[in-house]
Amino acid sequence: MKPQITVITIGVNDLETSLHFYRDGLGFPTEGIIGKEFEYGAVVFIQLQPGLRLALWPRKSIAHDTGHSVSPPSPTEMTLGHNVASKSEVDAVMAKAAAAGAAIIKPAHDTFWGGYSGYFQDPDGHLWEVVWNPQWSE
């Protein structure tokens, strides 16, 4: 298997609420909700970078597609990382997330490893880390 990810799908409770948060609050580019004509097909795709998309898909649709039952979400299952170029950019992104309705879980702070980061949760409880890492190179 080639080590590559093309879509990260996160389960959401209300697609309209999540669309509003990511598109209108954070400014993520999307064409909005597509696939409404299918019972379990409504989804939002967000272009993150070339070759990588974030999909917002209702939890009940994921459960139907996979054959699993809907389980309680756990914010400690994974985090989504957003690396930025400076401490001030961390602060700006955290402020934008808060204004969009995110819950600030851990305010931006200096880290033990020499970086600067903070955590917020989206309306469905998914954890995002906004981080400046002085050793990170793209």
C-alpha atoms as a PDB file:
ATOM      1  CA  MET A   1       0.000   0.000   0.000  1.00  0.00           C
ATOM      2  CA  LYS A   2       1.323   3.399  -0.956  1.00  0.00           C
ATOM      3  CA  PRO A   3       1.615   5.657   2.136  1.00  0.00           C
ATOM      4  CA  GLN A   4      -0.882   8.262   0.990  1.00  0.00           C
ATOM      5  CA  ILE A   5      -4.146   9.738   2.246  1.00  0.00           C
ATOM      6  CA  THR A   6      -6.518  11.504  -0.136  1.00  0.00           C
ATOM      7  CA  VAL A   7      -9.594  12.031   2.066  1.00  0.00           C
ATOM      8  CA  ILE A   8      -9.947  12.486   5.807  1.00  0.00           C
ATOM      9  CA  THR A   9     -13.600  11.926   6.702  1.00  0.00           C
ATOM     10  CA  ILE A  10     -14.921  13.138  10.024  1.00  0.00           C
ATOM     11  CA  GLY A  11     -18.339  12.227  11.355  1.00  0.00           C
ATOM     12  CA  VAL A  12     -20.695  15.087  12.130  1.00  0.00           C
ATOM     13  CA  ASN A  13     -24.058  15.320  13.850  1.00  0.00           C
ATOM     14  CA  ASP A  14     -25.523  18.125  11.742  1.00  0.00           C
ATOM     15  CA  LEU A  15     -24.127  18.760   8.277  1.00  0.00           C
ATOM     16  CA  GLU A  16     -25.493  22.324   8.028  1.00  0.00           C
ATOM     17  CA  THR A  17     -23.916  23.309  11.366  1.00  0.00           C
ATOM     18  CA  SER A  18     -20.570  21.820  10.374  1.00  0.00           C
ATOM     19  CA  LEU A  19     -20.696  23.444   6.935  1.00  0.00           C
ATOM     20  CA  HIS A  20     -21.359  26.819   8.556  1.00  0.00           C
ATOM     21  CA  PHE A  21     -18.440  26.350  10.981  1.00  0.00           C
ATOM     22  CA  TYR A  22     -15.854  25.271   8.400  1.00  0.00           C
ATOM     23  CA  ARG A  23     -16.936  27.383   5.411  1.00  0.00           C
ATOM     24  CA  ASP A  24     -18.339  30.530   6.987  1.00  0.00           C
ATOM     25  CA  GLY A  25     -16.380  30.525  10.243  1.00  0.00           C
ATOM     26  CA  LEU A  26     -12.953  29.229   9.252  1.00  0.00           C
ATOM     27  CA  GLY A  27     -13.111  30.172   5.574  1.00  0.00           C
ATOM     28  CA  PHE A  28     -12.438  26.683   4.196  1.00  0.00           C
ATOM     29  CA  PRO A  29     -13.221  26.364   0.464  1.00  0.00           C
ATOM     30  CA  THR A  30     -16.132  24.082  -0.416  1.00  0.00           C
ATOM     31  CA  GLU A  31     -18.990  23.780  -2.869  1.00  0.00           C
ATOM     32  CA  GLY A  32     -21.290  23.055   0.067  1.00  0.00           C
ATOM     33  CA  ILE A  33     -23.449  20.015   0.622  1.00  0.00           C
ATOM     34  CA  ILE A  34     -23.633  17.595  -2.289  1.00  0.00           C
ATOM     35  CA  GLY A  35     -25.380  14.236  -2.633  1.00  0.00           C
ATOM     36  CA  LYS A  36     -28.624  15.280  -0.927  1.00  0.00           C
ATOM     37  CA  GLU A  37     -30.573  13.181  -3.419  1.00  0.00           C
ATOM     38  CA  PHE A  38     -29.279  10.023  -1.720  1.00  0.00           C
ATOM     39  CA  GLU A  39     -30.557   8.877   1.671  1.00  0.00           C
ATOM     40  CA  TYR A  40     -27.053   8.472   3.085  1.00  0.00           C
ATOM     41  CA  GLY A  41     -25.124  10.479   0.499  1.00  0.00           C
ATOM     42  CA  ALA A  42     -25.141  14.090   1.693  1.00  0.00           C
ATOM     43  CA  VAL A  43     -21.539  15.159   2.276  1.00  0.00           C
ATOM     44  CA  VAL A  44     -19.310  18.227   2.282  1.00  0.00           C
ATOM     45  CA  PHE A  45     -15.866  18.099   0.666  1.00  0.00           C
ATOM     46  CA  ILE A  46     -13.270  20.702   1.593  1.00  0.00           C
ATOM     47  CA  GLN A  47     -10.136  21.056  -0.514  1.00  0.00           C
ATOM     48  CA  LEU A  48      -7.232  21.270   1.945  1.00  0.00           C
ATOM     49  CA  GLN A  49      -4.281  21.116  -0.445  1.00  0.00           C
ATOM     50  CA  PRO A  50      -3.628  19.403  -3.775  1.00  0.00           C
ATOM     51  CA  GLY A  51      -4.550  15.753  -3.393  1.00  0.00           C
ATOM     52  CA  LEU A  52      -6.091  16.032   0.092  1.00  0.00           C
ATOM     53  CA  ARG A  53      -9.688  16.705   1.071  1.00  0.00           C
ATOM     54  CA  LEU A  54     -11.546  16.870   4.343  1.00  0.00           C
ATOM     55  CA  ALA A  55     -15.000  15.275   4.161  1.00  0.00           C
ATOM     56  CA  LEU A  56     -17.794  16.095   6.580  1.00  0.00           C
ATOM     57  CA  TRP A  57     -20.221  13.185   6.608  1.00  0.00           C
ATOM     58  CA  PRO A  58     -23.074  12.534   9.033  1.00  0.00           C
ATOM     59  CA  ARG A  59     -22.229   9.905  11.641  1.00  0.00           C
ATOM     60  CA  LYS A  60     -25.399   7.986  10.769  1.00  0.00           C
ATOM     61  CA  SER A  61     -24.236   7.795   7.138  1.00  0.00           C
ATOM     62  CA  ILE A  62     -20.823   6.474   8.174  1.00  0.00           C
ATOM     63  CA  ALA A  63     -22.557   3.885  10.359  1.00  0.00           C
ATOM     64  CA  HIS A  64     -24.823   2.840   7.498  1.00  0.00           C
ATOM     65  CA  ASP A  65     -21.952   2.609   5.001  1.00  0.00           C
ATOM     66  CA  THR A  66     -19.656   0.609   7.288  1.00  0.00           C
ATOM     67  CA  GLY A  67     -22.223  -1.562   9.050  1.00  0.00           C
ATOM     68  CA  HIS A  68     -21.178  -0.251  12.458  1.00  0.00           C
ATOM     69  CA  SER A  69     -23.554   1.294  14.930  1.00  0.00           C
ATOM     70  CA  VAL A  70     -23.175   4.962  15.767  1.00  0.00           C
ATOM     71  CA  SER A  71     -20.893   5.189  18.781  1.00  0.00           C
ATOM     72  CA  PRO A  72     -20.264   8.069  21.162  1.00  0.00           C
ATOM     73  CA  PRO A  73     -17.570  10.396  19.842  1.00  0.00           C
ATOM     74  CA  SER A  74     -14.262  10.577  21.678  1.00  0.00           C
ATOM     75  CA  PRO A  75     -12.104  13.665  21.167  1.00  0.00           C
ATOM     76  CA  THR A  76      -8.982  11.766  22.210  1.00  0.00           C
ATOM     77  CA  GLU A  77      -9.159   9.292  19.298  1.00  0.00           C
ATOM     78  CA  MET A  78      -7.208  11.637  17.030  1.00  0.00           C
ATOM     79  CA  THR A  79      -6.336  15.266  16.435  1.00  0.00           C
ATOM     80  CA  LEU A  80      -6.137  17.260  13.247  1.00  0.00           C
ATOM     81  CA  GLY A  81      -3.007  19.395  13.002  1.00  0.00           C
ATOM     82  CA  HIS A  82      -2.784  22.810  11.390  1.00  0.00           C
ATOM     83  CA  ASN A  83       0.814  24.023  11.202  1.00  0.00           C
ATOM     84  CA  VAL A  84       1.422  27.732  10.712  1.00  0.00           C
ATOM     85  CA  ALA A  85       4.456  29.965  10.188  1.00  0.00           C
ATOM     86  CA  SER A  86       4.539  31.933  13.461  1.00  0.00           C
ATOM     87  CA  LYS A  87       3.281  32.282  17.015  1.00  0.00           C
ATOM     88  CA  SER A  88       1.139  35.235  15.986  1.00  0.00           C
ATOM     89  CA  GLU A  89      -0.499  33.097  13.308  1.00  0.00           C
ATOM     90  CA  VAL A  90      -1.359  30.484  15.953  1.00  0.00           C
ATOM     91  CA  ASP A  91      -3.054  33.229  17.965  1.00  0.00           C
ATOM     92  CA  ALA A  92      -4.918  34.513  14.893  1.00  0.00           C
ATOM     93  CA  VAL A  93      -6.208  31.062  13.903  1.00  0.00           C
ATOM     94  CA  MET A  94      -7.272  30.306  17.472  1.00  0.00           C
ATOM     95  CA  ALA A  95      -9.164  33.623  17.617  1.00  0.00           C
ATOM     96  CA  LYS A  96     -10.853  32.881  14.279  1.00  0.00           C
ATOM     97  CA  ALA A  97     -11.871  29.419  15.495  1.00  0.00           C
ATOM     98  CA  ALA A  98     -13.304  30.861  18.715  1.00  0.00           C
ATOM     99  CA  ALA A  99     -15.247  33.489  16.752  1.00  0.00           C
ATOM    100  CA  ALA A 100     -16.624  30.693  14.539  1.00  0.00           C
ATOM    101  CA  GLY A 101     -17.966  28.894  17.610  1.00  0.00           C
ATOM    102  CA  ALA A 102     -15.145  26.501  18.468  1.00  0.00           C
ATOM    103  CA  ALA A 103     -14.538  25.544  22.065  1.00  0.00           C
ATOM    104  CA  ILE A 104     -11.014  26.518  23.076  1.00  0.00           C
ATOM    105  CA  ILE A 105      -9.750  23.453  24.918  1.00  0.00           C
ATOM    106  CA  LYS A 106      -6.199  24.591  25.553  1.00  0.00           C
ATOM    107  CA  PRO A 107      -5.219  28.190  24.819  1.00  0.00           C
ATOM    108  CA  ALA A 108      -2.090  28.802  22.771  1.00  0.00           C
ATOM    109  CA  HIS A 109       1.050  28.407  24.861  1.00  0.00           C
ATOM    110  CA  ASP A 110       4.769  27.729  24.622  1.00  0.00           C
ATOM    111  CA  THR A 111       5.386  23.979  24.444  1.00  0.00           C
ATOM    112  CA  PHE A 112       8.046  21.909  26.194  1.00  0.00           C
ATOM    113  CA  TRP A 113       9.629  21.078  22.815  1.00  0.00           C
ATOM    114  CA  GLY A 114      10.139  24.697  21.767  1.00  0.00           C
ATOM    115  CA  GLY A 115       7.002  25.303  19.731  1.00  0.00           C
ATOM    116  CA  TYR A 116       3.753  27.140  20.354  1.00  0.00           C
ATOM    117  CA  SER A 117       0.323  25.541  20.111  1.00  0.00           C
ATOM    118  CA  GLY A 118      -3.283  25.493  21.212  1.00  0.00           C
ATOM    119  CA  TYR A 119      -6.278  23.177  20.835  1.00  0.00           C
ATOM    120  CA  PHE A 120      -9.877  23.802  19.864  1.00  0.00           C
ATOM    121  CA  GLN A 121     -12.886  21.574  19.237  1.00  0.00           C
ATOM    122  CA  ASP A 122     -15.269  21.970  16.324  1.00  0.00           C
ATOM    123  CA  PRO A 123     -19.057  21.726  16.903  1.00  0.00           C
ATOM    124  CA  ASP A 124     -18.840  17.914  16.770  1.00  0.00           C
ATOM    125  CA  GLY A 125     -15.991  17.641  19.267  1.00  0.00           C
ATOM    126  CA  HIS A 126     -13.141  16.995  16.819  1.00  0.00           C
ATOM    127  CA  LEU A 127      -9.863  18.283  18.216  1.00  0.00           C
ATOM    128  CA  TRP A 128      -7.708  20.601  16.141  1.00  0.00           C
ATOM    129  CA  GLU A 129      -4.186  21.555  17.155  1.00  0.00           C
ATOM    130  CA  VAL A 130      -2.946  24.858  15.779  1.00  0.00           C
ATOM    131  CA  VAL A 131       0.816  24.802  16.024  1.00  0.00           C
ATOM    132  CA  TRP A 132       3.977  26.663  15.159  1.00  0.00           C
ATOM    133  CA  ASN A 133       6.949  24.311  15.117  1.00  0.00           C
ATOM    134  CA  PRO A 134      10.327  26.000  14.598  1.00  0.00           C
ATOM    135  CA  GLN A 135      11.800  22.694  13.338  1.00  0.00           C
ATOM    136  CA  TRP A 136       9.000  22.055  10.819  1.00  0.00           C
ATOM    137  CA  SER A 137       9.836  22.469   7.159  1.00  0.00           C
ATOM    138  CA  GLU A 138       7.413  21.921   4.309  1.00  0.00           C
END
